[in-house]
Amino acid sequence: MQNNISKDPLHGITLQRILEILVGFYGFDTLGELIKIKCFTDNPSIKSSLTFLRKTDWARKKVEELYIRTLPKLSN
């Protein structure tokens, strides 16, 4: 029987969980410096950030890329 384990680090994780992990690790202040988008710098919240990221593909891509780059740091 074959194991069909995905090598995609985003497989099975929601955008909300990605955002919660990044905010927990960096905080909104640092997140706003790393990814310069208004939803992280002006009155940030998980809810408002999710609303923006779900509608804005380029911003979601930046968040997903940061999450992938952060994964090795999370395991330390």
PDB file of N, CA and C in Angstrom:
ATOM      1  N   MET A   1       0.841  -1.185   0.000  1.00  0.00           N
ATOM      2  CA  MET A   1       0.000   0.000   0.000  1.00  0.00           C
ATOM      3  C   MET A   1       0.883   1.244   0.000  1.00  0.00           C
ATOM      4  N   GLN A   2       0.536   2.209  -0.812  1.00  0.00           N
ATOM      5  CA  GLN A   2       1.330   3.430  -0.923  1.00  0.00           C
ATOM      6  C   GLN A   2       0.918   4.457   0.124  1.00  0.00           C
ATOM      7  N   ASN A   3       1.904   5.177   0.630  1.00  0.00           N
ATOM      8  CA  ASN A   3       1.612   6.322   1.486  1.00  0.00           C
ATOM      9  C   ASN A   3       1.504   7.544   0.605  1.00  0.00           C
ATOM     10  N   ASN A   4       0.395   8.209   0.649  1.00  0.00           N
ATOM     11  CA  ASN A   4       0.185   9.416  -0.138  1.00  0.00           C
ATOM     12  C   ASN A   4       0.350  10.648   0.743  1.00  0.00           C
ATOM     13  N   ILE A   5       1.507  10.783   1.328  1.00  0.00           N
ATOM     14  CA  ILE A   5       1.785  11.917   2.202  1.00  0.00           C
ATOM     15  C   ILE A   5       2.264  13.080   1.337  1.00  0.00           C
ATOM     16  N   SER A   6       1.597  14.200   1.510  1.00  0.00           N
ATOM     17  CA  SER A   6       1.927  15.385   0.721  1.00  0.00           C
ATOM     18  C   SER A   6       3.211  16.023   1.227  1.00  0.00           C
ATOM     19  N   LYS A   7       4.034  16.467   0.292  1.00  0.00           N
ATOM     20  CA  LYS A   7       5.262  17.177   0.643  1.00  0.00           C
ATOM     21  C   LYS A   7       5.024  18.689   0.702  1.00  0.00           C
ATOM     22  N   ASP A   8       3.808  19.106   0.409  1.00  0.00           N
ATOM     23  CA  ASP A   8       3.444  20.518   0.445  1.00  0.00           C
ATOM     24  C   ASP A   8       3.278  20.952   1.902  1.00  0.00           C
ATOM     25  N   PRO A   9       4.089  21.906   2.385  1.00  0.00           N
ATOM     26  CA  PRO A   9       3.992  22.326   3.791  1.00  0.00           C
ATOM     27  C   PRO A   9       2.681  23.047   4.113  1.00  0.00           C
ATOM     28  N   LEU A  10       1.934  23.449   3.087  1.00  0.00           N
ATOM     29  CA  LEU A  10       0.657  24.131   3.316  1.00  0.00           C
ATOM     30  C   LEU A  10      -0.527  23.162   3.292  1.00  0.00           C
ATOM     31  N   HIS A  11      -0.257  21.898   2.944  1.00  0.00           N
ATOM     32  CA  HIS A  11      -1.324  20.908   2.848  1.00  0.00           C
ATOM     33  C   HIS A  11      -1.960  20.685   4.221  1.00  0.00           C
ATOM     34  N   GLY A  12      -3.280  20.847   4.282  1.00  0.00           N
ATOM     35  CA  GLY A  12      -4.008  20.538   5.501  1.00  0.00           C
ATOM     36  C   GLY A  12      -4.003  21.634   6.558  1.00  0.00           C
ATOM     37  N   ILE A  13      -3.449  22.780   6.263  1.00  0.00           N
ATOM     38  CA  ILE A  13      -3.424  23.868   7.243  1.00  0.00           C
ATOM     39  C   ILE A  13      -4.232  25.040   6.690  1.00  0.00           C
ATOM     40  N   THR A  14      -5.054  25.615   7.537  1.00  0.00           N
ATOM     41  CA  THR A  14      -5.903  26.714   7.099  1.00  0.00           C
ATOM     42  C   THR A  14      -5.148  28.030   7.155  1.00  0.00           C
ATOM     43  N   LEU A  15      -5.648  28.996   6.412  1.00  0.00           N
ATOM     44  CA  LEU A  15      -5.072  30.334   6.451  1.00  0.00           C
ATOM     45  C   LEU A  15      -5.157  30.909   7.860  1.00  0.00           C
ATOM     46  N   GLN A  16      -6.256  30.641   8.541  1.00  0.00           N
ATOM     47  CA  GLN A  16      -6.397  31.141   9.904  1.00  0.00           C
ATOM     48  C   GLN A  16      -5.307  30.572  10.808  1.00  0.00           C
ATOM     49  N   ARG A  17      -5.043  29.288  10.692  1.00  0.00           N
ATOM     50  CA  ARG A  17      -4.002  28.662  11.535  1.00  0.00           C
ATOM     51  C   ARG A  17      -2.626  29.214  11.189  1.00  0.00           C
ATOM     52  N   ILE A  18      -2.349  29.417   9.907  1.00  0.00           N
ATOM     53  CA  ILE A  18      -1.071  30.006   9.488  1.00  0.00           C
ATOM     54  C   ILE A  18      -0.909  31.374  10.134  1.00  0.00           C
ATOM     55  N   LEU A  19      -1.955  32.181  10.065  1.00  0.00           N
ATOM     56  CA  LEU A  19      -1.901  33.527  10.626  1.00  0.00           C
ATOM     57  C   LEU A  19      -1.725  33.488  12.145  1.00  0.00           C
ATOM     58  N   GLU A  20      -2.438  32.591  12.810  1.00  0.00           N
ATOM     59  CA  GLU A  20      -2.297  32.461  14.267  1.00  0.00           C
ATOM     60  C   GLU A  20      -0.873  32.071  14.652  1.00  0.00           C
ATOM     61  N   ILE A  21      -0.278  31.175  13.907  1.00  0.00           N
ATOM     62  CA  ILE A  21       1.096  30.746  14.186  1.00  0.00           C
ATOM     63  C   ILE A  21       2.062  31.911  13.978  1.00  0.00           C
ATOM     64  N   LEU A  22       1.917  32.630  12.861  1.00  0.00           N
ATOM     65  CA  LEU A  22       2.815  33.747  12.573  1.00  0.00           C
ATOM     66  C   LEU A  22       2.665  34.869  13.591  1.00  0.00           C
ATOM     67  N   VAL A  23       1.434  35.189  13.974  1.00  0.00           N
ATOM     68  CA  VAL A  23       1.211  36.238  14.975  1.00  0.00           C
ATOM     69  C   VAL A  23       1.769  35.791  16.323  1.00  0.00           C
ATOM     70  N   GLY A  24       1.596  34.536  16.659  1.00  0.00           N
ATOM     71  CA  GLY A  24       2.151  34.017  17.912  1.00  0.00           C
ATOM     72  C   GLY A  24       3.667  34.051  17.938  1.00  0.00           C
ATOM     73  N   PHE A  25       4.278  33.793  16.802  1.00  0.00           N
ATOM     74  CA  PHE A  25       5.740  33.749  16.718  1.00  0.00           C
ATOM     75  C   PHE A  25       6.352  35.146  16.609  1.00  0.00           C
ATOM     76  N   TYR A  26       5.799  35.975  15.726  1.00  0.00           N
ATOM     77  CA  TYR A  26       6.376  37.292  15.452  1.00  0.00           C
ATOM     78  C   TYR A  26       5.651  38.440  16.152  1.00  0.00           C
ATOM     79  N   GLY A  27       4.342  38.314  16.342  1.00  0.00           N
ATOM     80  CA  GLY A  27       3.526  39.432  16.793  1.00  0.00           C
ATOM     81  C   GLY A  27       3.172  40.302  15.593  1.00  0.00           C
ATOM     82  N   PHE A  28       2.114  41.095  15.739  1.00  0.00           N
ATOM     83  CA  PHE A  28       1.684  41.926  14.615  1.00  0.00           C
ATOM     84  C   PHE A  28       2.711  42.993  14.258  1.00  0.00           C
ATOM     85  N   ASP A  29       3.443  43.528  15.253  1.00  0.00           N
ATOM     86  CA  ASP A  29       4.431  44.576  14.951  1.00  0.00           C
ATOM     87  C   ASP A  29       5.498  44.077  13.982  1.00  0.00           C
ATOM     88  N   THR A  30       6.110  42.953  14.305  1.00  0.00           N
ATOM     89  CA  THR A  30       7.152  42.404  13.445  1.00  0.00           C
ATOM     90  C   THR A  30       6.563  41.892  12.133  1.00  0.00           C
ATOM     91  N   LEU A  31       5.385  41.301  12.206  1.00  0.00           N
ATOM     92  CA  LEU A  31       4.726  40.819  10.989  1.00  0.00           C
ATOM     93  C   LEU A  31       4.489  41.984  10.027  1.00  0.00           C
ATOM     94  N   GLY A  32       4.102  43.140  10.564  1.00  0.00           N
ATOM     95  CA  GLY A  32       3.895  44.325   9.746  1.00  0.00           C
ATOM     96  C   GLY A  32       5.175  44.856   9.133  1.00  0.00           C
ATOM     97  N   GLU A  33       6.312  44.617   9.796  1.00  0.00           N
ATOM     98  CA  GLU A  33       7.606  45.010   9.231  1.00  0.00           C
ATOM     99  C   GLU A  33       8.051  44.034   8.146  1.00  0.00           C
ATOM    100  N   LEU A  34       7.788  42.754   8.356  1.00  0.00           N
ATOM    101  CA  LEU A  34       8.205  41.726   7.395  1.00  0.00           C
ATOM    102  C   LEU A  34       7.345  41.732   6.136  1.00  0.00           C
ATOM    103  N   ILE A  35       6.051  41.964   6.313  1.00  0.00           N
ATOM    104  CA  ILE A  35       5.115  42.026   5.191  1.00  0.00           C
ATOM    105  C   ILE A  35       4.364  43.344   5.331  1.00  0.00           C
ATOM    106  N   LYS A  36       4.697  44.282   4.515  1.00  0.00           N
ATOM    107  CA  LYS A  36       4.158  45.632   4.651  1.00  0.00           C
ATOM    108  C   LYS A  36       2.758  45.736   4.039  1.00  0.00           C
ATOM    109  N   ILE A  37       1.786  45.284   4.820  1.00  0.00           N
ATOM    110  CA  ILE A  37       0.396  45.449   4.422  1.00  0.00           C
ATOM    111  C   ILE A  37      -0.371  46.035   5.605  1.00  0.00           C
ATOM    112  N   LYS A  38      -1.327  46.870   5.280  1.00  0.00           N
ATOM    113  CA  LYS A  38      -2.053  47.663   6.258  1.00  0.00           C
ATOM    114  C   LYS A  38      -2.765  46.819   7.321  1.00  0.00           C
ATOM    115  N   CYS A  39      -3.249  45.637   6.946  1.00  0.00           N
ATOM    116  CA  CYS A  39      -3.990  44.828   7.915  1.00  0.00           C
ATOM    117  C   CYS A  39      -3.102  44.341   9.067  1.00  0.00           C
ATOM    118  N   PHE A  40      -1.780  44.431   8.915  1.00  0.00           N
ATOM    119  CA  PHE A  40      -0.863  44.061   9.991  1.00  0.00           C
ATOM    120  C   PHE A  40      -0.360  45.267  10.771  1.00  0.00           C
ATOM    121  N   THR A  41      -0.572  46.471  10.246  1.00  0.00           N
ATOM    122  CA  THR A  41      -0.004  47.650  10.893  1.00  0.00           C
ATOM    123  C   THR A  41      -1.042  48.594  11.486  1.00  0.00           C
ATOM    124  N   ASP A  42      -2.231  48.669  10.913  1.00  0.00           N
ATOM    125  CA  ASP A  42      -3.257  49.594  11.382  1.00  0.00           C
ATOM    126  C   ASP A  42      -4.391  48.836  12.058  1.00  0.00           C
ATOM    127  N   ASN A  43      -4.414  48.892  13.390  1.00  0.00           N
ATOM    128  CA  ASN A  43      -5.448  48.227  14.179  1.00  0.00           C
ATOM    129  C   ASN A  43      -5.606  46.756  13.777  1.00  0.00           C
ATOM    130  N   PRO A  44      -4.527  45.971  13.868  1.00  0.00           N
ATOM    131  CA  PRO A  44      -4.561  44.593  13.367  1.00  0.00           C
ATOM    132  C   PRO A  44      -5.377  43.650  14.243  1.00  0.00           C
ATOM    133  N   SER A  45      -5.979  42.687  13.607  1.00  0.00           N
ATOM    134  CA  SER A  45      -6.651  41.582  14.293  1.00  0.00           C
ATOM    135  C   SER A  45      -6.626  40.383  13.350  1.00  0.00           C
ATOM    136  N   ILE A  46      -6.798  39.219  13.914  1.00  0.00           N
ATOM    137  CA  ILE A  46      -6.840  38.000  13.099  1.00  0.00           C
ATOM    138  C   ILE A  46      -8.011  38.099  12.120  1.00  0.00           C
ATOM    139  N   LYS A  47      -9.177  38.513  12.631  1.00  0.00           N
ATOM    140  CA  LYS A  47     -10.382  38.559  11.803  1.00  0.00           C
ATOM    141  C   LYS A  47     -10.225  39.509  10.612  1.00  0.00           C
ATOM    142  N   SER A  48      -9.750  40.737  10.861  1.00  0.00           N
ATOM    143  CA  SER A  48      -9.620  41.695   9.758  1.00  0.00           C
ATOM    144  C   SER A  48      -8.525  41.264   8.784  1.00  0.00           C
ATOM    145  N   SER A  49      -7.469  40.671   9.308  1.00  0.00           N
ATOM    146  CA  SER A  49      -6.394  40.194   8.441  1.00  0.00           C
ATOM    147  C   SER A  49      -6.880  39.060   7.547  1.00  0.00           C
ATOM    148  N   LEU A  50      -7.652  38.128   8.109  1.00  0.00           N
ATOM    149  CA  LEU A  50      -8.194  37.022   7.313  1.00  0.00           C
ATOM    150  C   LEU A  50      -9.107  37.533   6.209  1.00  0.00           C
ATOM    151  N   THR A  51      -9.934  38.514   6.525  1.00  0.00           N
ATOM    152  CA  THR A  51     -10.835  39.087   5.520  1.00  0.00           C
ATOM    153  C   THR A  51     -10.035  39.645   4.354  1.00  0.00           C
ATOM    154  N   PHE A  52      -8.979  40.402   4.660  1.00  0.00           N
ATOM    155  CA  PHE A  52      -8.148  40.987   3.607  1.00  0.00           C
ATOM    156  C   PHE A  52      -7.395  39.912   2.835  1.00  0.00           C
ATOM    157  N   LEU A  53      -6.781  38.976   3.530  1.00  0.00           N
ATOM    158  CA  LEU A  53      -5.954  37.962   2.875  1.00  0.00           C
ATOM    159  C   LEU A  53      -6.773  37.026   1.993  1.00  0.00           C
ATOM    160  N   ARG A  54      -8.004  36.774   2.372  1.00  0.00           N
ATOM    161  CA  ARG A  54      -8.848  35.901   1.550  1.00  0.00           C
ATOM    162  C   ARG A  54      -9.244  36.560   0.238  1.00  0.00           C
ATOM    163  N   LYS A  55      -9.230  37.892   0.200  1.00  0.00           N
ATOM    164  CA  LYS A  55      -9.613  38.616  -1.021  1.00  0.00           C
ATOM    165  C   LYS A  55      -8.409  39.047  -1.854  1.00  0.00           C
ATOM    166  N   THR A  56      -7.207  38.968  -1.284  1.00  0.00           N
ATOM    167  CA  THR A  56      -6.030  39.546  -1.930  1.00  0.00           C
ATOM    168  C   THR A  56      -4.963  38.473  -2.114  1.00  0.00           C
ATOM    169  N   ASP A  57      -4.912  37.910  -3.319  1.00  0.00           N
ATOM    170  CA  ASP A  57      -4.018  36.779  -3.588  1.00  0.00           C
ATOM    171  C   ASP A  57      -2.547  37.090  -3.347  1.00  0.00           C
ATOM    172  N   TRP A  58      -2.067  38.265  -3.788  1.00  0.00           N
ATOM    173  CA  TRP A  58      -0.637  38.582  -3.632  1.00  0.00           C
ATOM    174  C   TRP A  58      -0.257  38.664  -2.152  1.00  0.00           C
ATOM    175  N   ALA A  59      -1.141  39.172  -1.313  1.00  0.00           N
ATOM    176  CA  ALA A  59      -0.843  39.281   0.119  1.00  0.00           C
ATOM    177  C   ALA A  59      -0.867  37.900   0.774  1.00  0.00           C
ATOM    178  N   ARG A  60      -1.837  37.081   0.393  1.00  0.00           N
ATOM    179  CA  ARG A  60      -1.907  35.721   0.927  1.00  0.00           C
ATOM    180  C   ARG A  60      -0.646  34.946   0.556  1.00  0.00           C
ATOM    181  N   LYS A  61      -0.174  35.117  -0.656  1.00  0.00           N
ATOM    182  CA  LYS A  61       1.036  34.435  -1.101  1.00  0.00           C
ATOM    183  C   LYS A  61       2.235  34.842  -0.246  1.00  0.00           C
ATOM    184  N   LYS A  62       2.341  36.119   0.077  1.00  0.00           N
ATOM    185  CA  LYS A  62       3.440  36.589   0.927  1.00  0.00           C
ATOM    186  C   LYS A  62       3.366  35.969   2.329  1.00  0.00           C
ATOM    187  N   VAL A  63       2.162  35.872   2.867  1.00  0.00           N
ATOM    188  CA  VAL A  63       1.973  35.269   4.189  1.00  0.00           C
ATOM    189  C   VAL A  63       2.338  33.786   4.148  1.00  0.00           C
ATOM    190  N   GLU A  64       1.901  33.083   3.123  1.00  0.00           N
ATOM    191  CA  GLU A  64       2.223  31.667   2.994  1.00  0.00           C
ATOM    192  C   GLU A  64       3.724  31.455   2.824  1.00  0.00           C
ATOM    193  N   GLU A  65       4.389  32.311   2.063  1.00  0.00           N
ATOM    194  CA  GLU A  65       5.842  32.205   1.879  1.00  0.00           C
ATOM    195  C   GLU A  65       6.574  32.452   3.198  1.00  0.00           C
ATOM    196  N   LEU A  66       6.123  33.437   3.970  1.00  0.00           N
ATOM    197  CA  LEU A  66       6.743  33.685   5.278  1.00  0.00           C
ATOM    198  C   LEU A  66       6.539  32.492   6.198  1.00  0.00           C
ATOM    199  N   TYR A  67       5.366  31.903   6.172  1.00  0.00           N
ATOM    200  CA  TYR A  67       5.095  30.727   6.991  1.00  0.00           C
ATOM    201  C   TYR A  67       6.063  29.593   6.637  1.00  0.00           C
ATOM    202  N   ILE A  68       6.251  29.345   5.357  1.00  0.00           N
ATOM    203  CA  ILE A  68       7.164  28.281   4.923  1.00  0.00           C
ATOM    204  C   ILE A  68       8.594  28.587   5.374  1.00  0.00           C
ATOM    205  N   ARG A  69       9.017  29.846   5.268  1.00  0.00           N
ATOM    206  CA  ARG A  69      10.365  30.219   5.726  1.00  0.00           C
ATOM    207  C   ARG A  69      10.499  30.120   7.248  1.00  0.00           C
ATOM    208  N   THR A  70       9.388  30.259   7.955  1.00  0.00           N
ATOM    209  CA  THR A  70       9.400  30.250   9.421  1.00  0.00           C
ATOM    210  C   THR A  70       9.343  28.840   9.998  1.00  0.00           C
ATOM    211  N   LEU A  71       8.841  27.886   9.228  1.00  0.00           N
ATOM    212  CA  LEU A  71       8.684  26.509   9.725  1.00  0.00           C
ATOM    213  C   LEU A  71       9.923  25.957  10.429  1.00  0.00           C
ATOM    214  N   PRO A  72      11.122  26.090   9.862  1.00  0.00           N
ATOM    215  CA  PRO A  72      12.300  25.551  10.559  1.00  0.00           C
ATOM    216  C   PRO A  72      12.533  26.209  11.927  1.00  0.00           C
ATOM    217  N   LYS A  73      12.209  27.467  12.064  1.00  0.00           N
ATOM    218  CA  LYS A  73      12.385  28.182  13.335  1.00  0.00           C
ATOM    219  C   LYS A  73      11.392  27.711  14.371  1.00  0.00           C
ATOM    220  N   LEU A  74      10.226  27.268  13.940  1.00  0.00           N
ATOM    221  CA  LEU A  74       9.178  26.827  14.853  1.00  0.00           C
ATOM    222  C   LEU A  74       9.549  25.513  15.532  1.00  0.00           C
ATOM    223  N   SER A  75      10.331  24.691  14.877  1.00  0.00           N
ATOM    224  CA  SER A  75      10.681  23.390  15.437  1.00  0.00           C
ATOM    225  C   SER A  75      11.856  23.453  16.416  1.00  0.00           C
ATOM    226  N   ASN A  76      12.478  24.611  16.527  1.00  0.00           N
ATOM    227  CA  ASN A  76      13.620  24.762  17.462  1.00  0.00           C
ATOM    228  C   ASN A  76      13.140  25.073  18.857  1.00  0.00           C
TER     229      ASN A  76
END
